Amino acid sequence: MRDTDQTITFDQMKGTIGSLVFLWSGIEQSLNESIENLHTEKKSKSVHGISRSIDVWSLAVKQTDNTSTLRTDLCDRLVRMLKEALVIRNLVCHGLTGISVRLHIDYPEAHLKVQLGEDTRLLTWKQLDEMFSWMSRSRWLIRDLTEAAMENDAQRAHNRLIRWEKFPEQQ
């Protein structure tokens, strides 16, 4: 999806919707597994909804005894990004009103048109690509933040997270 001068078909645009749903499914699964591993709340009855799972998970990751600035910063950054991406997910899943393709390089960039309440947006191919890039790696960051929170050795916890220091940039 990187080349913004490429043509984009209707099938490719439909695929972006599937990618969004698929990525969120994995993120939800990772959050629920992490919440269970952290023994913060029973998954079956206590945590409902993606936003609530994000909040419960991040609170547990930051409340352990060996908390570090790096872990707190990474967790806060990921939570902010996930919550912004959740708005996009909700707009697409509950307010998709149009799909625009790019059949020639002289046409405007392909995009999804969404509207939910007063919020109306055009989500471009490039914007979605950038979001999918970091979302596709976020499951591993959730895992590493969770394991760092459970780690008794502060140096090992730090070593697990240092490669994520510049997230969402590729490491």
N, C-alpha and C. Protein backbone atom coordinates (compact mmCIF):
# COMPACT_ATOMS: atom_id res chain seq x y z
N MET A 1 0.81 -1.20 0.00
CA MET A 1 0.00 0.00 0.00
C MET A 1 0.85 1.26 0.00
N ARG A 2 2.14 1.21 0.04
CA ARG A 2 2.99 2.39 0.21
C ARG A 2 2.95 3.38 -0.94
N ASP A 3 2.89 2.94 -2.17
CA ASP A 3 3.00 3.83 -3.32
C ASP A 3 1.70 4.60 -3.52
N THR A 4 1.73 5.92 -3.29
CA THR A 4 0.52 6.73 -3.41
C THR A 4 0.21 7.07 -4.86
N ASP A 5 1.11 6.77 -5.80
CA ASP A 5 0.86 7.01 -7.22
C ASP A 5 0.26 5.79 -7.92
N GLN A 6 -0.04 4.77 -7.17
CA GLN A 6 -0.59 3.56 -7.78
C GLN A 6 -2.10 3.66 -7.94
N THR A 7 -2.61 2.84 -8.82
CA THR A 7 -4.06 2.75 -8.95
C THR A 7 -4.58 1.83 -7.85
N ILE A 8 -5.79 2.09 -7.39
CA ILE A 8 -6.40 1.32 -6.31
C ILE A 8 -7.80 0.91 -6.77
N THR A 9 -8.05 -0.39 -6.75
CA THR A 9 -9.33 -0.92 -7.23
C THR A 9 -10.35 -0.99 -6.10
N PHE A 10 -11.58 -1.26 -6.49
CA PHE A 10 -12.65 -1.43 -5.51
C PHE A 10 -12.35 -2.62 -4.60
N ASP A 11 -11.84 -3.72 -5.17
CA ASP A 11 -11.50 -4.88 -4.36
C ASP A 11 -10.41 -4.55 -3.34
N GLN A 12 -9.43 -3.75 -3.72
CA GLN A 12 -8.39 -3.35 -2.78
C GLN A 12 -8.99 -2.50 -1.65
N MET A 13 -9.90 -1.62 -1.99
CA MET A 13 -10.52 -0.79 -0.96
C MET A 13 -11.38 -1.65 -0.03
N LYS A 14 -12.08 -2.63 -0.58
CA LYS A 14 -12.84 -3.55 0.29
C LYS A 14 -11.88 -4.29 1.21
N GLY A 15 -10.72 -4.63 0.67
CA GLY A 15 -9.73 -5.32 1.49
C GLY A 15 -9.25 -4.51 2.67
N THR A 16 -9.24 -3.19 2.54
CA THR A 16 -8.83 -2.36 3.67
C THR A 16 -9.81 -2.51 4.83
N ILE A 17 -11.08 -2.66 4.50
CA ILE A 17 -12.09 -2.85 5.55
C ILE A 17 -11.85 -4.18 6.25
N GLY A 18 -11.61 -5.22 5.47
CA GLY A 18 -11.31 -6.53 6.05
C GLY A 18 -10.04 -6.50 6.89
N SER A 19 -9.03 -5.78 6.42
CA SER A 19 -7.78 -5.66 7.18
C SER A 19 -8.02 -4.97 8.52
N LEU A 20 -8.82 -3.94 8.51
CA LEU A 20 -9.12 -3.21 9.74
C LEU A 20 -9.80 -4.13 10.75
N VAL A 21 -10.80 -4.86 10.31
CA VAL A 21 -11.53 -5.77 11.20
C VAL A 21 -10.60 -6.87 11.71
N PHE A 22 -9.79 -7.43 10.81
CA PHE A 22 -8.87 -8.50 11.18
C PHE A 22 -7.84 -8.02 12.20
N LEU A 23 -7.25 -6.85 11.97
CA LEU A 23 -6.26 -6.32 12.91
C LEU A 23 -6.87 -6.08 14.29
N TRP A 24 -8.08 -5.51 14.32
CA TRP A 24 -8.73 -5.27 15.60
C TRP A 24 -9.07 -6.57 16.33
N SER A 25 -9.44 -7.58 15.60
CA SER A 25 -9.72 -8.87 16.22
C SER A 25 -8.49 -9.39 16.94
N GLY A 26 -7.34 -9.30 16.29
CA GLY A 26 -6.09 -9.74 16.91
C GLY A 26 -5.71 -8.90 18.11
N ILE A 27 -5.91 -7.61 18.01
CA ILE A 27 -5.58 -6.72 19.13
C ILE A 27 -6.47 -7.03 20.33
N GLU A 28 -7.75 -7.23 20.08
CA GLU A 28 -8.66 -7.60 21.17
C GLU A 28 -8.24 -8.89 21.83
N GLN A 29 -7.87 -9.87 21.02
CA GLN A 29 -7.43 -11.16 21.55
C GLN A 29 -6.17 -10.98 22.40
N SER A 30 -5.22 -10.20 21.93
CA SER A 30 -4.00 -9.95 22.69
C SER A 30 -4.28 -9.24 24.01
N LEU A 31 -5.16 -8.26 23.97
CA LEU A 31 -5.52 -7.55 25.20
C LEU A 31 -6.16 -8.49 26.21
N ASN A 32 -7.10 -9.31 25.74
CA ASN A 32 -7.78 -10.24 26.65
C ASN A 32 -6.82 -11.26 27.24
N GLU A 33 -5.91 -11.79 26.42
CA GLU A 33 -4.91 -12.73 26.94
C GLU A 33 -4.00 -12.05 27.95
N SER A 34 -3.61 -10.82 27.68
CA SER A 34 -2.74 -10.08 28.59
C SER A 34 -3.44 -9.77 29.90
N ILE A 35 -4.69 -9.40 29.83
CA ILE A 35 -5.46 -9.14 31.05
C ILE A 35 -5.54 -10.41 31.89
N GLU A 36 -5.78 -11.53 31.24
CA GLU A 36 -5.83 -12.80 31.94
C GLU A 36 -4.47 -13.12 32.56
N ASN A 37 -3.39 -12.92 31.82
CA ASN A 37 -2.04 -13.19 32.33
C ASN A 37 -1.68 -12.29 33.50
N LEU A 38 -2.15 -11.07 33.48
CA LEU A 38 -1.87 -10.14 34.56
C LEU A 38 -2.79 -10.35 35.76
N HIS A 39 -3.76 -11.22 35.62
CA HIS A 39 -4.72 -11.54 36.70
C HIS A 39 -5.39 -10.29 37.26
N THR A 40 -5.74 -9.37 36.37
CA THR A 40 -6.33 -8.11 36.85
C THR A 40 -7.83 -8.22 37.03
N GLU A 41 -8.51 -8.82 36.10
CA GLU A 41 -9.95 -9.01 36.19
C GLU A 41 -10.29 -10.27 35.42
N LYS A 42 -11.34 -10.92 35.79
CA LYS A 42 -11.75 -12.11 35.05
C LYS A 42 -12.33 -11.67 33.72
N LYS A 43 -11.76 -12.20 32.65
CA LYS A 43 -12.14 -11.82 31.29
C LYS A 43 -13.63 -12.08 31.01
N SER A 44 -14.13 -13.18 31.52
CA SER A 44 -15.47 -13.61 31.13
C SER A 44 -16.58 -12.64 31.52
N LYS A 45 -16.47 -11.98 32.67
CA LYS A 45 -17.57 -11.13 33.11
C LYS A 45 -17.18 -9.68 33.36
N SER A 46 -15.92 -9.42 33.68
CA SER A 46 -15.55 -8.10 34.15
C SER A 46 -15.20 -7.10 33.05
N VAL A 47 -14.65 -7.58 31.94
CA VAL A 47 -14.18 -6.67 30.91
C VAL A 47 -15.01 -6.85 29.65
N HIS A 48 -15.74 -5.80 29.29
CA HIS A 48 -16.56 -5.82 28.08
C HIS A 48 -16.22 -4.60 27.23
N GLY A 49 -16.02 -4.83 25.97
CA GLY A 49 -15.74 -3.74 25.05
C GLY A 49 -14.26 -3.48 24.90
N ILE A 50 -13.89 -3.06 23.71
CA ILE A 50 -12.49 -2.83 23.39
C ILE A 50 -11.91 -1.70 24.23
N SER A 51 -12.62 -0.60 24.33
CA SER A 51 -12.11 0.54 25.08
C SER A 51 -11.86 0.17 26.54
N ARG A 52 -12.76 -0.57 27.12
CA ARG A 52 -12.61 -1.01 28.52
C ARG A 52 -11.41 -1.95 28.65
N SER A 53 -11.24 -2.85 27.70
CA SER A 53 -10.08 -3.75 27.73
C SER A 53 -8.78 -2.98 27.66
N ILE A 54 -8.72 -1.97 26.81
CA ILE A 54 -7.52 -1.14 26.71
C ILE A 54 -7.23 -0.49 28.06
N ASP A 55 -8.26 0.08 28.69
CA ASP A 55 -8.07 0.76 29.97
C ASP A 55 -7.62 -0.20 31.08
N VAL A 56 -8.27 -1.36 31.18
CA VAL A 56 -7.93 -2.34 32.22
C VAL A 56 -6.50 -2.83 32.01
N TRP A 57 -6.15 -3.15 30.78
CA TRP A 57 -4.81 -3.65 30.47
C TRP A 57 -3.75 -2.59 30.81
N SER A 58 -3.94 -1.36 30.34
CA SER A 58 -2.91 -0.34 30.54
C SER A 58 -2.74 -0.01 32.03
N LEU A 59 -3.81 0.00 32.76
CA LEU A 59 -3.72 0.25 34.20
C LEU A 59 -2.89 -0.84 34.87
N ALA A 60 -3.13 -2.08 34.50
CA ALA A 60 -2.39 -3.20 35.10
C ALA A 60 -0.91 -3.15 34.71
N VAL A 61 -0.63 -2.81 33.48
CA VAL A 61 0.77 -2.74 33.02
C VAL A 61 1.53 -1.66 33.78
N LYS A 62 0.88 -0.56 34.08
CA LYS A 62 1.56 0.57 34.73
C LYS A 62 1.54 0.49 36.25
N GLN A 63 0.78 -0.44 36.83
CA GLN A 63 0.67 -0.49 38.30
C GLN A 63 1.57 -1.53 38.95
N THR A 64 2.41 -2.18 38.19
CA THR A 64 3.28 -3.18 38.81
C THR A 64 4.42 -2.48 39.55
N ASP A 65 5.06 -3.24 40.43
CA ASP A 65 6.12 -2.68 41.29
C ASP A 65 7.35 -2.21 40.52
N ASN A 66 7.64 -2.85 39.39
CA ASN A 66 8.87 -2.53 38.67
C ASN A 66 8.63 -1.59 37.49
N THR A 67 7.69 -0.69 37.61
CA THR A 67 7.36 0.19 36.50
C THR A 67 8.55 1.08 36.13
N SER A 68 8.65 1.35 34.85
CA SER A 68 9.74 2.19 34.35
C SER A 68 9.16 3.28 33.47
N THR A 69 9.95 4.31 33.26
CA THR A 69 9.53 5.41 32.40
C THR A 69 9.28 4.91 30.99
N LEU A 70 10.17 4.05 30.49
CA LEU A 70 10.00 3.51 29.14
C LEU A 70 8.69 2.74 29.02
N ARG A 71 8.40 1.88 29.97
CA ARG A 71 7.16 1.10 29.92
C ARG A 71 5.94 2.02 29.99
N THR A 72 5.97 2.98 30.87
CA THR A 72 4.85 3.92 31.00
C THR A 72 4.66 4.71 29.71
N ASP A 73 5.76 5.23 29.17
CA ASP A 73 5.67 6.01 27.93
C ASP A 73 5.15 5.18 26.77
N LEU A 74 5.68 3.97 26.61
CA LEU A 74 5.23 3.09 25.52
C LEU A 74 3.76 2.73 25.69
N CYS A 75 3.37 2.41 26.89
CA CYS A 75 1.98 2.04 27.16
C CYS A 75 1.06 3.22 26.86
N ASP A 76 1.41 4.40 27.36
CA ASP A 76 0.58 5.59 27.11
C ASP A 76 0.48 5.89 25.61
N ARG A 77 1.60 5.77 24.90
CA ARG A 77 1.62 6.04 23.47
C ARG A 77 0.73 5.04 22.72
N LEU A 78 0.87 3.76 23.06
CA LEU A 78 0.06 2.72 22.40
C LEU A 78 -1.42 2.92 22.71
N VAL A 79 -1.75 3.21 23.94
CA VAL A 79 -3.15 3.42 24.32
C VAL A 79 -3.74 4.59 23.53
N ARG A 80 -3.00 5.70 23.45
CA ARG A 80 -3.50 6.85 22.69
C ARG A 80 -3.76 6.48 21.24
N MET A 81 -2.81 5.77 20.64
CA MET A 81 -2.94 5.38 19.24
C MET A 81 -4.08 4.39 19.05
N LEU A 82 -4.21 3.43 19.95
CA LEU A 82 -5.30 2.45 19.84
C LEU A 82 -6.66 3.13 19.97
N LYS A 83 -6.75 4.09 20.87
CA LYS A 83 -8.04 4.78 21.04
C LYS A 83 -8.39 5.62 19.81
N GLU A 84 -7.38 6.23 19.20
CA GLU A 84 -7.62 6.96 17.95
C GLU A 84 -8.03 5.99 16.84
N ALA A 85 -7.35 4.85 16.76
CA ALA A 85 -7.68 3.85 15.75
C ALA A 85 -9.05 3.23 16.01
N LEU A 86 -9.45 3.15 17.27
CA LEU A 86 -10.77 2.63 17.61
C LEU A 86 -11.86 3.55 17.08
N VAL A 87 -11.63 4.84 17.11
CA VAL A 87 -12.59 5.79 16.52
C VAL A 87 -12.73 5.50 15.03
N ILE A 88 -11.60 5.29 14.35
CA ILE A 88 -11.63 4.96 12.92
C ILE A 88 -12.38 3.65 12.69
N ARG A 89 -12.09 2.65 13.49
CA ARG A 89 -12.77 1.36 13.37
C ARG A 89 -14.29 1.53 13.51
N ASN A 90 -14.71 2.30 14.51
CA ASN A 90 -16.14 2.51 14.72
C ASN A 90 -16.76 3.29 13.56
N LEU A 91 -16.04 4.26 13.05
CA LEU A 91 -16.55 5.01 11.90
C LEU A 91 -16.74 4.09 10.69
N VAL A 92 -15.76 3.22 10.44
CA VAL A 92 -15.85 2.33 9.29
C VAL A 92 -16.94 1.27 9.51
N CYS A 93 -16.96 0.67 10.68
CA CYS A 93 -17.91 -0.43 10.93
C CYS A 93 -19.35 0.04 11.10
N HIS A 94 -19.54 1.27 11.55
CA HIS A 94 -20.90 1.74 11.82
C HIS A 94 -21.33 2.93 10.98
N GLY A 95 -20.40 3.47 10.18
CA GLY A 95 -20.77 4.67 9.43
C GLY A 95 -20.16 4.76 8.04
N LEU A 96 -19.82 3.65 7.43
CA LEU A 96 -19.27 3.67 6.08
C LEU A 96 -20.35 4.12 5.10
N THR A 97 -20.07 5.20 4.38
CA THR A 97 -21.06 5.72 3.43
C THR A 97 -20.57 5.69 2.00
N GLY A 98 -19.28 5.45 1.78
CA GLY A 98 -18.80 5.43 0.41
C GLY A 98 -17.38 4.91 0.28
N ILE A 99 -17.10 4.41 -0.91
CA ILE A 99 -15.76 3.92 -1.26
C ILE A 99 -15.38 4.58 -2.57
N SER A 100 -14.22 5.22 -2.58
CA SER A 100 -13.72 5.85 -3.79
C SER A 100 -12.43 5.15 -4.19
N VAL A 101 -12.32 4.81 -5.46
CA VAL A 101 -11.14 4.12 -5.96
C VAL A 101 -10.26 5.09 -6.74
N ARG A 102 -9.13 4.63 -7.16
CA ARG A 102 -8.21 5.43 -7.97
C ARG A 102 -7.80 4.58 -9.16
N LEU A 103 -8.51 4.75 -10.25
CA LEU A 103 -8.26 3.93 -11.43
C LEU A 103 -7.19 4.50 -12.34
N HIS A 104 -6.78 5.73 -12.08
CA HIS A 104 -5.72 6.36 -12.87
C HIS A 104 -4.93 7.27 -11.94
N ILE A 105 -3.64 7.42 -12.18
CA ILE A 105 -2.81 8.22 -11.27
C ILE A 105 -3.19 9.69 -11.23
N ASP A 106 -3.96 10.15 -12.21
CA ASP A 106 -4.40 11.55 -12.19
C ASP A 106 -5.66 11.75 -11.35
N TYR A 107 -6.27 10.66 -10.89
CA TYR A 107 -7.47 10.74 -10.05
C TYR A 107 -7.05 11.04 -8.61
N PRO A 108 -7.98 11.57 -7.80
CA PRO A 108 -7.68 11.78 -6.37
C PRO A 108 -7.38 10.44 -5.69
N GLU A 109 -6.72 10.52 -4.55
CA GLU A 109 -6.37 9.31 -3.81
C GLU A 109 -7.61 8.52 -3.40
N ALA A 110 -7.51 7.21 -3.46
CA ALA A 110 -8.61 6.34 -3.04
C ALA A 110 -8.90 6.57 -1.56
N HIS A 111 -10.17 6.44 -1.18
CA HIS A 111 -10.53 6.69 0.21
C HIS A 111 -11.87 6.03 0.57
N LEU A 112 -12.09 5.92 1.86
CA LEU A 112 -13.38 5.52 2.41
C LEU A 112 -14.04 6.78 2.94
N LYS A 113 -15.33 6.92 2.70
CA LYS A 113 -16.08 8.03 3.28
C LYS A 113 -16.90 7.46 4.43
N VAL A 114 -16.77 8.10 5.60
CA VAL A 114 -17.47 7.63 6.78
C VAL A 114 -18.18 8.79 7.47
N GLN A 115 -19.30 8.45 8.10
CA GLN A 115 -20.03 9.45 8.87
C GLN A 115 -20.74 8.75 10.01
N LEU A 116 -20.51 9.25 11.19
CA LEU A 116 -21.17 8.74 12.38
C LEU A 116 -21.51 9.94 13.23
N GLY A 117 -22.80 10.24 13.32
CA GLY A 117 -23.23 11.45 14.01
C GLY A 117 -22.72 12.65 13.26
N GLU A 118 -22.06 13.55 13.95
CA GLU A 118 -21.50 14.76 13.35
C GLU A 118 -20.12 14.54 12.74
N ASP A 119 -19.53 13.39 13.00
CA ASP A 119 -18.17 13.11 12.54
C ASP A 119 -18.19 12.55 11.12
N THR A 120 -17.75 13.35 10.16
CA THR A 120 -17.67 12.93 8.76
C THR A 120 -16.20 13.04 8.33
N ARG A 121 -15.68 11.97 7.72
CA ARG A 121 -14.28 11.95 7.32
C ARG A 121 -14.08 11.21 6.01
N LEU A 122 -12.99 11.56 5.36
CA LEU A 122 -12.46 10.78 4.25
C LEU A 122 -11.19 10.11 4.77
N LEU A 123 -11.16 8.80 4.76
CA LEU A 123 -10.01 8.04 5.23
C LEU A 123 -9.25 7.56 4.01
N THR A 124 -8.11 8.18 3.75
CA THR A 124 -7.37 7.89 2.53
C THR A 124 -6.61 6.57 2.64
N TRP A 125 -6.29 6.06 1.46
CA TRP A 125 -5.49 4.84 1.35
C TRP A 125 -4.19 4.99 2.15
N LYS A 126 -3.55 6.13 2.03
CA LYS A 126 -2.28 6.38 2.73
C LYS A 126 -2.49 6.39 4.24
N GLN A 127 -3.53 7.07 4.72
CA GLN A 127 -3.80 7.12 6.15
C GLN A 127 -4.05 5.72 6.70
N LEU A 128 -4.84 4.94 5.99
CA LEU A 128 -5.13 3.58 6.44
C LEU A 128 -3.87 2.73 6.44
N ASP A 129 -3.04 2.88 5.42
CA ASP A 129 -1.79 2.13 5.33
C ASP A 129 -0.89 2.44 6.52
N GLU A 130 -0.77 3.70 6.87
CA GLU A 130 0.06 4.10 8.01
C GLU A 130 -0.48 3.52 9.31
N MET A 131 -1.79 3.54 9.47
CA MET A 131 -2.41 2.98 10.66
C MET A 131 -2.21 1.47 10.73
N PHE A 132 -2.40 0.79 9.60
CA PHE A 132 -2.24 -0.66 9.57
C PHE A 132 -0.81 -1.07 9.87
N SER A 133 0.15 -0.25 9.47
CA SER A 133 1.56 -0.56 9.69
C SER A 133 1.86 -0.73 11.18
N TRP A 134 1.45 0.23 11.99
CA TRP A 134 1.73 0.10 13.42
C TRP A 134 0.75 -0.85 14.10
N MET A 135 -0.48 -0.91 13.63
CA MET A 135 -1.45 -1.83 14.23
C MET A 135 -1.01 -3.28 14.07
N SER A 136 -0.40 -3.59 12.93
CA SER A 136 0.03 -4.97 12.68
C SER A 136 1.15 -5.40 13.63
N ARG A 137 1.83 -4.45 14.25
CA ARG A 137 2.89 -4.75 15.21
C ARG A 137 2.45 -4.58 16.65
N SER A 138 1.28 -4.02 16.86
CA SER A 138 0.86 -3.68 18.22
C SER A 138 0.61 -4.91 19.10
N ARG A 139 0.22 -6.03 18.51
CA ARG A 139 0.01 -7.25 19.32
C ARG A 139 1.30 -7.66 20.02
N TRP A 140 2.43 -7.51 19.34
CA TRP A 140 3.71 -7.87 19.95
C TRP A 140 4.11 -6.86 21.01
N LEU A 141 3.78 -5.61 20.79
CA LEU A 141 4.08 -4.61 21.81
C LEU A 141 3.21 -4.85 23.05
N ILE A 142 1.95 -5.19 22.86
CA ILE A 142 1.08 -5.53 24.00
C ILE A 142 1.70 -6.68 24.78
N ARG A 143 2.12 -7.72 24.07
CA ARG A 143 2.75 -8.88 24.72
C ARG A 143 4.00 -8.47 25.48
N ASP A 144 4.87 -7.69 24.83
CA ASP A 144 6.13 -7.30 25.48
C ASP A 144 5.89 -6.39 26.68
N LEU A 145 4.94 -5.48 26.59
CA LEU A 145 4.62 -4.63 27.74
C LEU A 145 4.06 -5.47 28.89
N THR A 146 3.22 -6.43 28.56
CA THR A 146 2.65 -7.31 29.58
C THR A 146 3.74 -8.13 30.25
N GLU A 147 4.63 -8.73 29.46
CA GLU A 147 5.70 -9.55 30.02
C GLU A 147 6.68 -8.70 30.82
N ALA A 148 6.93 -7.49 30.37
CA ALA A 148 7.81 -6.59 31.13
C ALA A 148 7.17 -6.24 32.48
N ALA A 149 5.87 -6.08 32.49
CA ALA A 149 5.16 -5.78 33.74
C ALA A 149 5.23 -6.95 34.72
N MET A 150 5.30 -8.16 34.20
CA MET A 150 5.34 -9.35 35.06
C MET A 150 6.77 -9.75 35.41
N GLU A 151 7.75 -9.13 34.78
CA GLU A 151 9.17 -9.47 34.98
C GLU A 151 9.66 -8.95 36.33
N ASN A 152 10.35 -9.80 37.08
CA ASN A 152 10.90 -9.39 38.38
C ASN A 152 12.22 -8.63 38.23
N ASP A 153 12.93 -8.87 37.15
CA ASP A 153 14.22 -8.24 36.92
C ASP A 153 14.02 -6.99 36.07
N ALA A 154 14.28 -5.83 36.65
CA ALA A 154 14.04 -4.55 35.96
C ALA A 154 14.88 -4.42 34.69
N GLN A 155 16.11 -4.92 34.70
CA GLN A 155 16.96 -4.83 33.51
C GLN A 155 16.43 -5.71 32.39
N ARG A 156 15.98 -6.91 32.70
CA ARG A 156 15.40 -7.77 31.67
C ARG A 156 14.11 -7.15 31.11
N ALA A 157 13.32 -6.54 31.97
CA ALA A 157 12.10 -5.87 31.51
C ALA A 157 12.46 -4.73 30.57
N HIS A 158 13.45 -3.95 30.93
CA HIS A 158 13.90 -2.84 30.09
C HIS A 158 14.43 -3.36 28.75
N ASN A 159 15.23 -4.42 28.79
CA ASN A 159 15.79 -4.99 27.57
C ASN A 159 14.71 -5.49 26.62
N ARG A 160 13.63 -5.98 27.17
CA ARG A 160 12.51 -6.46 26.34
C ARG A 160 11.85 -5.29 25.59
N LEU A 161 11.86 -4.12 26.19
CA LEU A 161 11.13 -2.98 25.62
C LEU A 161 11.99 -2.01 24.81
N ILE A 162 13.29 -2.05 24.97
CA ILE A 162 14.14 -1.03 24.35
C ILE A 162 13.98 -1.00 22.83
N ARG A 163 13.75 -2.12 22.20
CA ARG A 163 13.59 -2.11 20.74
C ARG A 163 12.32 -1.39 20.29
N TRP A 164 11.38 -1.18 21.21
CA TRP A 164 10.13 -0.48 20.90
C TRP A 164 10.22 1.03 21.17
N GLU A 165 11.34 1.49 21.61
CA GLU A 165 11.50 2.87 22.08
C GLU A 165 10.96 3.91 21.09
N LYS A 166 11.13 3.68 19.80
CA LYS A 166 10.69 4.66 18.80
C LYS A 166 9.35 4.30 18.16
N PHE A 167 8.61 3.35 18.74
CA PHE A 167 7.30 2.98 18.21
C PHE A 167 6.45 4.23 18.04
N PRO A 168 5.79 4.42 16.91
CA PRO A 168 5.39 3.45 15.91
C PRO A 168 6.35 3.27 14.72
N GLU A 169 7.50 3.94 14.77
CA GLU A 169 8.46 3.74 13.69
C GLU A 169 8.87 2.26 13.65
N GLN A 170 9.20 1.79 12.47
CA GLN A 170 9.68 0.42 12.32
C GLN A 170 10.99 0.26 13.05
N GLN A 171 11.15 -0.88 13.73
CA GLN A 171 12.43 -1.11 14.38
C GLN A 171 13.29 -2.00 13.52
